[in-house]
Protein backbone atom coordinates (compact mmCIF):
# COMPACT_ATOMS: atom_id res chain seq x y z
CA UNK A 1 12.88 -13.99 -0.98
CA UNK A 2 11.28 -10.94 -1.58
CA UNK A 3 11.92 -8.63 -4.73
CA UNK A 4 11.07 -5.19 -5.83
CA UNK A 5 8.99 -4.57 -8.68
CA UNK A 6 11.67 -2.94 -11.09
CA UNK A 7 13.92 -5.90 -10.32
CA UNK A 8 11.17 -8.47 -11.45
CA UNK A 9 10.57 -6.39 -14.66
CA UNK A 10 14.27 -6.36 -15.36
CA UNK A 11 14.63 -10.24 -14.83
CA UNK A 12 11.58 -10.74 -17.21
CA UNK A 13 13.06 -8.55 -19.86
CA UNK A 14 16.12 -10.47 -19.59
CA UNK A 15 14.41 -13.84 -20.10
CA UNK A 16 12.47 -12.39 -23.08
CA UNK A 17 15.69 -10.93 -24.65
CA UNK A 18 17.48 -14.23 -24.21
CA UNK A 19 14.60 -16.13 -25.54
CA UNK A 20 14.15 -14.15 -28.67
CA UNK A 21 17.62 -14.10 -29.66
CA UNK A 22 18.06 -17.75 -29.55
CA UNK A 23 19.97 -18.82 -32.67
CA UNK A 24 17.90 -21.19 -35.15
CA UNK A 25 18.78 -25.02 -35.35
CA UNK A 26 21.97 -25.25 -37.42
CA UNK A 27 22.39 -21.62 -37.82
CA UNK A 28 25.78 -20.21 -36.89
CA UNK A 29 26.00 -19.03 -33.39
CA UNK A 30 25.81 -15.23 -33.04
CA UNK A 31 28.04 -13.11 -30.72
CA UNK A 32 25.62 -11.16 -28.48
CA UNK A 33 26.06 -7.25 -28.36
CA UNK A 34 26.47 -5.53 -25.17
CA UNK A 35 22.97 -4.59 -24.90
CA UNK A 36 22.10 -8.26 -25.09
CA UNK A 37 24.72 -9.30 -22.77
CA UNK A 38 23.92 -6.82 -19.97
CA UNK A 39 21.25 -9.12 -18.49
CA UNK A 40 23.75 -11.60 -17.37
CA UNK A 41 25.11 -8.84 -15.03
CA UNK A 42 22.14 -9.63 -12.89
CA UNK A 43 23.64 -12.74 -11.54
CA UNK A 44 26.14 -10.47 -9.74
CA UNK A 45 23.21 -8.76 -7.92
CA UNK A 46 22.21 -10.23 -4.76
CA UNK A 47 18.70 -9.52 -3.71
CA UNK A 48 17.85 -9.66 0.09
CA UNK A 49 14.99 -8.48 2.31
CA UNK A 50 14.47 -7.28 5.87
CA UNK A 51 12.77 -4.93 8.16
CA UNK A 52 13.29 -1.53 9.44
CA UNK A 53 14.33 -1.69 13.17
CA UNK A 54 15.68 0.73 15.59
CA UNK A 55 19.56 0.60 16.32
CA UNK A 56 18.36 -0.38 20.02
CA UNK A 57 15.14 -1.89 20.86
CA UNK A 58 13.70 -4.56 23.27
CA UNK A 59 10.59 -6.10 24.24
CA UNK A 60 10.28 -6.06 28.02
CA UNK A 61 8.49 -8.45 30.08
CA UNK A 62 7.88 -8.78 33.97
CA UNK A 63 10.28 -11.09 35.82
CA UNK A 64 7.53 -12.32 38.03
CA UNK A 65 3.82 -13.22 37.36
CA UNK A 66 0.85 -11.33 38.58
CA UNK A 67 -2.03 -9.08 37.77
CA UNK A 68 -1.58 -5.82 35.84
CA UNK A 69 -1.91 -2.85 38.19
CA UNK A 70 -1.29 0.11 35.94
CA UNK A 71 0.00 0.66 32.41
CA UNK A 72 1.57 4.19 32.54
CA UNK A 73 2.37 4.85 28.92
CA UNK A 74 0.77 4.42 25.51
CA UNK A 75 2.00 3.50 22.25
CA UNK A 76 4.03 6.27 20.70
CA UNK A 77 4.94 7.73 24.00
CA UNK A 78 8.60 9.18 24.50
CA UNK A 79 10.04 7.65 27.65
CA UNK A 80 13.22 8.46 29.49
CA UNK A 81 15.72 5.56 31.04
CA UNK A 82 14.50 4.54 34.36
CA UNK A 83 10.91 5.71 33.72
CA UNK A 84 8.21 3.32 35.01
CA UNK A 85 6.02 2.01 32.12
CA UNK A 86 3.82 -0.85 33.90
CA UNK A 87 3.26 -2.27 37.51
CA UNK A 88 1.92 -5.45 38.91
CA UNK A 89 -0.18 -5.60 42.10
CA UNK A 90 2.45 -5.89 44.73
CA UNK A 91 1.34 -4.29 47.84
CA UNK A 92 3.82 -6.23 50.01
CA UNK A 93 6.77 -5.63 47.92
CA UNK A 94 6.01 -1.79 47.83
CA UNK A 95 5.68 -1.91 51.75
CA UNK A 96 8.78 -3.57 52.26
CA UNK A 97 10.41 -0.85 50.20
CA UNK A 98 8.81 1.85 52.50
CA UNK A 99 9.54 -0.22 55.61
CA UNK A 100 13.39 -0.57 54.47
CA UNK A 101 13.54 3.15 53.76
CA UNK A 102 12.31 4.06 57.32
CA UNK A 103 14.98 1.91 58.61
CA UNK A 104 17.51 3.80 56.52
CA UNK A 105 16.14 6.93 57.87
CA UNK A 106 16.53 5.85 61.52
CA UNK A 107 19.77 4.54 61.15
CA UNK A 108 20.95 7.82 59.42
CA UNK A 109 19.32 9.86 62.21
CA UNK A 110 21.41 7.44 64.79
CA UNK A 111 24.71 8.28 62.72
CA UNK A 112 24.09 11.96 63.21
CA UNK A 113 23.43 11.61 66.85
CA UNK A 114 26.45 9.68 67.52
CA UNK A 115 28.74 12.10 65.46
CA UNK A 116 27.09 15.10 67.30
CA UNK A 117 27.53 13.68 70.64
CA UNK A 118 25.59 13.82 74.04
CA UNK A 119 23.69 16.71 74.90
CA UNK A 120 24.13 18.10 78.77
CA UNK A 121 20.51 17.11 79.40
CA UNK A 122 21.44 13.39 78.09
CA UNK A 123 24.54 13.54 80.63
CA UNK A 124 22.34 14.82 83.38
CA UNK A 125 19.86 11.94 82.68
CA UNK A 126 22.46 9.21 82.80
CA UNK A 127 23.69 10.68 86.10
CA UNK A 128 20.29 10.49 87.56
CA UNK A 129 20.04 7.00 86.21
CA UNK A 130 23.33 6.02 87.87
CA UNK A 131 22.29 7.47 91.14
CA UNK A 132 19.33 5.53 91.13
CA UNK A 133 21.17 2.07 90.11
CA UNK A 134 23.43 2.82 93.09
CA UNK A 135 20.47 3.14 95.57
CA UNK A 136 19.36 -0.17 94.13
CA UNK A 137 22.41 -1.51 95.24
CA UNK A 138 22.38 -0.29 98.61
CA UNK A 139 18.87 -1.69 98.94
CA UNK A 140 19.85 -5.15 97.31
CA UNK A 141 22.88 -5.48 100.02
CA UNK A 142 20.52 -4.67 102.90
CA UNK A 143 18.18 -7.36 101.82
CA UNK A 144 21.24 -9.88 101.43
CA UNK A 145 22.17 -8.95 105.13
CA UNK A 146 18.76 -9.49 106.38
CA UNK A 147 18.61 -12.99 104.68
CA UNK A 148 22.01 -13.97 106.09
CA UNK A 149 20.94 -12.88 109.71
CA UNK A 150 17.80 -15.03 109.49
CA UNK A 151 19.63 -17.96 108.22
CA UNK A 152 22.16 -17.61 110.88
CA UNK A 153 19.33 -17.53 113.48
CA UNK A 154 17.68 -20.50 112.38
CA UNK A 155 20.98 -22.25 112.30
CA UNK A 156 21.90 -21.25 115.73
CA UNK A 157 18.68 -21.94 117.54
CA UNK A 158 16.82 -20.00 120.19
CA UNK A 159 18.90 -18.34 123.07
CA UNK A 160 18.25 -19.39 126.62
CA UNK A 161 16.91 -15.73 127.49
CA UNK A 162 14.61 -16.26 124.56
CA UNK A 163 13.24 -19.64 125.89
CA UNK A 164 12.70 -18.31 129.17
CA UNK A 165 10.89 -15.22 127.95
CA UNK A 166 8.82 -17.45 125.61
CA UNK A 167 8.18 -19.89 128.82
CA UNK A 168 7.14 -16.99 130.96
CA UNK A 169 4.71 -15.72 128.30
CA UNK A 170 3.42 -19.28 128.16
CA UNK A 171 2.68 -19.45 131.98
CA UNK A 172 1.05 -15.90 131.72
CA UNK A 173 -1.29 -17.14 128.87
CA UNK A 174 -2.04 -20.79 130.99
CA UNK A 175 -3.10 -18.34 133.97
CA UNK A 176 -5.12 -16.16 131.93
CA UNK A 177 -7.00 -19.07 130.59
CA UNK A 178 -7.69 -20.61 134.20
CA UNK A 179 -9.04 -16.99 135.29
CA UNK A 180 -11.28 -16.84 132.38
CA UNK A 181 -12.26 -20.42 132.75
CA UNK A 182 -13.23 -19.58 136.25
CA UNK A 183 -15.29 -16.47 135.53
CA UNK A 184 -17.25 -18.61 132.84
CA UNK A 185 -18.05 -21.39 135.22
CA UNK A 186 -19.76 -18.92 137.27
CA UNK A 187 -22.46 -18.15 134.42
CA UNK A 188 -22.29 -21.67 132.51
CA UNK A 189 -25.73 -22.73 133.61
CA UNK A 190 -27.40 -19.49 132.58
CA UNK A 191 -29.25 -19.01 129.31
CA UNK A 192 -27.41 -17.70 126.22
CA UNK A 193 -24.10 -18.24 127.96
CA UNK A 194 -22.40 -18.22 124.72
CA UNK A 195 -23.22 -14.37 124.12
CA UNK A 196 -21.95 -13.48 127.79
CA UNK A 197 -18.60 -11.66 127.89
CA UNK A 198 -17.22 -14.42 130.00
CA UNK A 199 -17.66 -16.68 127.05
CA UNK A 200 -15.60 -14.37 124.86
CA UNK A 201 -13.09 -13.65 127.31
CA UNK A 202 -12.29 -17.55 127.78
CA UNK A 203 -12.14 -17.84 123.79
CA UNK A 204 -9.54 -14.87 123.67
CA UNK A 205 -7.44 -16.22 126.35
CA UNK A 206 -7.47 -19.68 125.12
CA UNK A 207 -6.14 -18.51 121.50
CA UNK A 208 -3.33 -16.43 123.24
CA UNK A 209 -2.54 -19.56 125.14
CA UNK A 210 -2.28 -21.53 121.79
CA UNK A 211 -0.17 -18.74 120.07
CA UNK A 212 2.37 -18.83 122.99
CA UNK A 213 2.50 -22.53 123.11
CA UNK A 214 3.24 -22.57 119.61
CA UNK A 215 6.20 -20.04 119.85
CA UNK A 216 7.64 -21.84 122.94
CA UNK A 217 7.61 -25.11 121.17
CA UNK A 218 9.46 -23.56 118.24
CA UNK A 219 11.92 -22.07 120.31
CA UNK A 220 12.50 -25.34 122.17
CA UNK A 221 12.59 -27.41 119.07
CA UNK A 222 14.66 -25.11 116.87
CA UNK A 223 14.50 -24.60 112.92
CA UNK A 224 13.27 -27.44 110.75
CA UNK A 225 15.52 -28.64 107.85
CA UNK A 226 13.03 -27.30 105.45
CA UNK A 227 12.95 -24.02 107.13
CA UNK A 228 16.67 -23.66 106.99
CA UNK A 229 16.60 -24.72 103.18
CA UNK A 230 14.18 -22.04 102.52
CA UNK A 231 16.26 -19.56 104.42
CA UNK A 232 19.51 -20.55 102.34
CA UNK A 233 17.05 -20.03 98.89
CA UNK A 234 16.54 -16.52 100.49
CA UNK A 235 19.80 -15.67 100.91
CA UNK A 236 20.96 -16.78 97.38
CA UNK A 237 18.09 -14.90 95.97
CA UNK A 238 18.93 -11.73 97.53
CA UNK A 239 22.77 -12.21 96.52
CA UNK A 240 21.58 -12.61 92.95
CA UNK A 241 19.48 -9.39 93.08
CA UNK A 242 22.53 -7.55 94.56
CA UNK A 243 24.64 -8.99 91.74
CA UNK A 244 22.13 -7.60 89.18
CA UNK A 245 21.74 -4.32 90.90
CA UNK A 246 25.57 -3.83 90.94
CA UNK A 247 25.84 -4.67 87.07
CA UNK A 248 23.13 -2.33 86.29
CA UNK A 249 24.88 0.33 88.56
CA UNK A 250 28.25 -0.35 86.64
CA UNK A 251 26.47 -0.15 83.35
CA UNK A 252 24.84 3.24 84.41
CA UNK A 253 27.96 4.76 85.21
CA UNK A 254 29.71 3.43 82.16
CA UNK A 255 27.12 5.27 79.87
CA UNK A 256 27.85 8.35 82.14
CA UNK A 257 31.40 8.05 81.04
CA UNK A 258 30.67 7.27 77.47
CA UNK A 259 28.41 10.46 77.21
CA UNK A 260 31.16 12.67 78.69
CA UNK A 261 33.74 11.36 76.49
CA UNK A 262 31.64 11.84 73.57
CA UNK A 263 31.59 9.46 70.45
CA UNK A 264 34.43 7.12 69.92
CA UNK A 265 35.74 6.29 66.48
CA UNK A 266 34.40 2.60 66.94
CA UNK A 267 31.01 3.97 67.76
CA UNK A 268 30.60 6.11 64.50
CA UNK A 269 31.94 2.95 62.50
CA UNK A 270 29.10 0.82 64.03
CA UNK A 271 26.75 3.57 63.05
CA UNK A 272 28.28 3.92 59.56
CA UNK A 273 27.95 0.29 59.11
CA UNK A 274 24.24 0.37 60.41
CA UNK A 275 23.54 3.03 57.75
CA UNK A 276 25.29 0.85 55.01
CA UNK A 277 23.25 -2.24 56.08
CA UNK A 278 20.05 -0.22 56.03
CA UNK A 279 20.99 1.04 52.53
CA UNK A 280 21.60 -2.31 51.22
CA UNK A 281 18.14 -3.46 52.50
CA UNK A 282 16.40 -0.58 50.62
CA UNK A 283 18.25 -1.70 47.49
CA UNK A 284 17.43 -5.18 47.86
CA UNK A 285 13.87 -4.37 48.72
CA UNK A 286 13.74 -1.86 45.68
CA UNK A 287 15.09 -4.85 43.40
CA UNK A 288 12.45 -7.24 44.46
CA UNK A 289 9.98 -4.40 43.76
CA UNK A 290 11.56 -3.62 40.48
CA UNK A 291 10.68 -7.27 39.48
CA UNK A 292 6.96 -6.37 39.43
CA UNK A 293 7.52 -3.12 37.42
CA UNK A 294 8.36 -2.49 33.81
CA UNK A 295 11.19 0.22 33.77
CA UNK A 296 12.55 1.77 30.34
CA UNK A 297 16.12 0.75 29.98
CA UNK A 298 17.20 3.74 27.91
CA UNK A 299 15.64 6.63 26.29
CA UNK A 300 13.19 5.73 23.41
CA UNK A 301 9.60 5.39 22.43
CA UNK A 302 6.89 2.99 23.13
CA UNK A 303 6.32 0.70 20.07
CA UNK A 304 3.58 -1.62 21.34
CA UNK A 305 1.90 -2.67 24.40
CA UNK A 306 0.67 -6.13 24.72
CA UNK A 307 -0.80 -6.01 28.30
CA UNK A 308 -3.97 -4.36 29.97
CA UNK A 309 -4.86 -3.47 33.40
CA UNK A 310 -6.47 -6.39 35.11
CA UNK A 311 -4.77 -9.06 32.98
CA UNK A 312 -2.64 -11.71 34.69
CA UNK A 313 0.85 -12.14 33.17
CA UNK A 314 3.65 -14.70 33.30
CA UNK A 315 7.17 -14.10 33.89
CA UNK A 316 8.96 -13.55 30.68
CA UNK A 317 5.57 -12.80 28.55
CA UNK A 318 6.27 -9.89 26.42
CA UNK A 319 4.48 -6.92 27.89
CA UNK A 320 5.95 -3.43 26.05
CA UNK A 321 8.26 -2.94 23.21
CA UNK A 322 10.49 0.15 23.51
CA UNK A 323 13.05 1.13 20.84
CA UNK A 324 15.23 4.11 20.30
CA UNK A 325 13.80 5.66 17.16
CA UNK A 326 16.51 8.22 16.90
CA UNK A 327 18.61 5.73 14.81
CA UNK A 328 16.83 3.47 12.32
CA UNK A 329 18.61 0.80 10.27
CA UNK A 330 17.72 -2.14 8.11
CA UNK A 331 18.02 -5.62 9.31
CA UNK A 332 18.38 -8.30 6.47
CA UNK A 333 17.17 -11.59 7.66
CA UNK A 334 17.48 -13.80 4.48
CA UNK A 335 20.98 -13.48 3.36
CA UNK A 336 21.45 -17.20 1.82
CA UNK A 337 24.73 -18.98 2.63
CA UNK A 338 25.64 -19.01 -1.18
CA UNK A 339 25.52 -15.32 -1.04
CA UNK A 340 27.02 -14.34 2.28
CA UNK A 341 30.57 -15.18 1.05
CA UNK A 342 30.08 -12.78 -1.60
CA UNK A 343 29.13 -9.89 0.56
CA UNK A 344 31.29 -7.90 3.06
CA UNK A 345 31.24 -5.25 5.80
CA UNK A 346 31.37 -1.72 4.64
CA UNK A 347 29.97 -2.66 1.17
CA UNK A 348 27.69 0.26 -0.21
CA UNK A 349 24.07 -1.08 -1.13
CA UNK A 350 20.80 0.24 -2.58
CA UNK A 351 17.71 -0.01 -0.34
CA UNK A 352 13.81 0.51 -1.33
CA UNK A 353 10.81 0.37 0.52
CA UNK A 354 7.11 -0.74 -0.35
CA UNK A 355 6.05 2.18 1.54
CA UNK A 356 8.01 4.43 -0.31
CA UNK A 357 7.67 3.41 -4.01
CA UNK A 358 9.81 4.86 -6.56
CA UNK A 359 12.57 5.93 -4.24
CA UNK A 360 15.89 4.51 -3.56
CA UNK A 361 18.11 5.13 -0.61
CA UNK A 362 21.78 4.38 -0.19
CA UNK A 363 23.44 2.55 2.68
CA UNK A 364 26.21 0.58 4.07
CA UNK A 365 26.48 -2.87 5.48
CA UNK A 366 27.83 -2.36 8.82
CA UNK A 367 27.67 -5.96 10.27
CA UNK A 368 27.17 -9.25 9.23
CA UNK A 369 26.38 -12.34 11.67
CA UNK A 370 29.01 -14.65 12.12
CA UNK A 371 26.54 -17.72 12.37
CA UNK A 372 23.63 -18.96 10.43
CA UNK A 373 20.16 -19.13 11.56
CA UNK A 374 18.26 -22.39 10.55
CA UNK A 375 14.83 -21.58 8.93
CA UNK A 376 12.62 -24.10 7.10
CA UNK A 377 15.83 -26.01 6.35
CA UNK A 378 17.64 -23.20 4.93
CA UNK A 379 20.51 -21.55 6.47
CA UNK A 380 20.40 -17.55 6.34
CA UNK A 381 22.35 -14.98 7.80
CA UNK A 382 21.67 -11.59 9.26
CA UNK A 383 23.10 -8.41 8.05
CA UNK A 384 22.54 -4.71 9.25
CA UNK A 385 22.24 -2.03 6.85
CA UNK A 386 23.02 1.46 7.99
CA UNK A 387 21.33 4.00 6.14
CA UNK A 388 23.23 7.29 4.79
CA UNK A 389 19.90 9.28 5.08
CA UNK A 390 16.74 8.32 7.07
CA UNK A 391 13.28 9.36 5.63
CA UNK A 392 11.05 10.56 8.50
CA UNK A 393 8.35 8.62 6.83
CA UNK A 394 10.02 5.26 7.68
CA UNK A 395 8.57 3.43 10.66
CA UNK A 396 9.49 0.50 12.99
CA UNK A 397 8.60 -2.83 10.92
CA UNK A 398 8.20 -1.65 7.51
CA UNK A 399 9.67 -4.10 4.89
CA UNK A 400 12.96 -3.32 2.83
CA UNK A 401 14.55 -4.64 -0.01
CA UNK A 402 18.13 -4.43 -0.67
CA UNK A 403 20.28 -4.86 -3.73
CA UNK A 404 23.67 -5.90 -3.19
CA UNK A 405 26.53 -6.06 -5.67
CA UNK A 406 28.21 -9.22 -5.16
CA UNK A 407 31.95 -9.49 -4.75
CA UNK A 408 34.01 -11.65 -6.87
């Protein structure tokens, strides 16, 4: 326990007076005078010590670990609630905040557009898109019809007139070959016969005959199973394209109707929900970023800074102390369990400070902790003393000595 200088002097004088006035052996006891009995009153005085603290103070620490990017304040600076005091290097968290803010702006713009309704130009564009979609339906329908006709033709086989026409073309091609062959035979013995026109004519006639022969054979034979399968697949593909074109056209016309009708209450509600969701994303990103920043929880003064730019800190490591110095008080930390029962809240006390010698301040005990703290095998209680007058020379952390008159 700490004692003031004058208290120690009084105790020493009391002991000296008691020693000098002790009765001699065998002498009759002597009743002490009032002055001699005064030191006994010191037993009714409780001496305690403590520190000067702001009424509200905190040791701030980062919620995440990392490298210190910036320290934005100095010791002694006055700060406002919400002010950023220091930041860790966290570009990804900062970028996430900016991205969320951009998404919020987009959602808000969409909500404004929905509430405003469609412009004439937008309706005209939607109508043009619907007309293009309708044209796509017509083209897809024609493709289906062609595919179906081809499939039917393959399944039905060639008509008799088609076969006769193909047979006639085949016979004509054969006659042309014979004629070209006769002309070629006349010059076959000549040198460089391959370069003569008779040879070229024979080659072309032969090719025409082969084509006519293949066409005739196909008509006579009819479609093969694999050809019918291919044609059926083409019909299904054309029908699928038609269905997609019809769906697109329906959607395009529905969009026209929607634009003409203006914004529905449901559309506005959806857009408002998107804005709310984007706002929540911004807040969530901001919270994540704030974990890498130290933010003043209230107005106050920076008492101490324990980190520097470039240092690596761990979560929970004390970084900056902040306190509201507008109201200072004394926190007693060594009120013994044998004394706490003789002290009560609302009791007036005397307070002195080493930093302000020969001055005594009046105060009131405003709070006594309900539970003891174990320190070095001793149970001590904490008590708060509110000073009636705060000297501007008092500073955070100064040692204070409190004299308390014990209650009986």
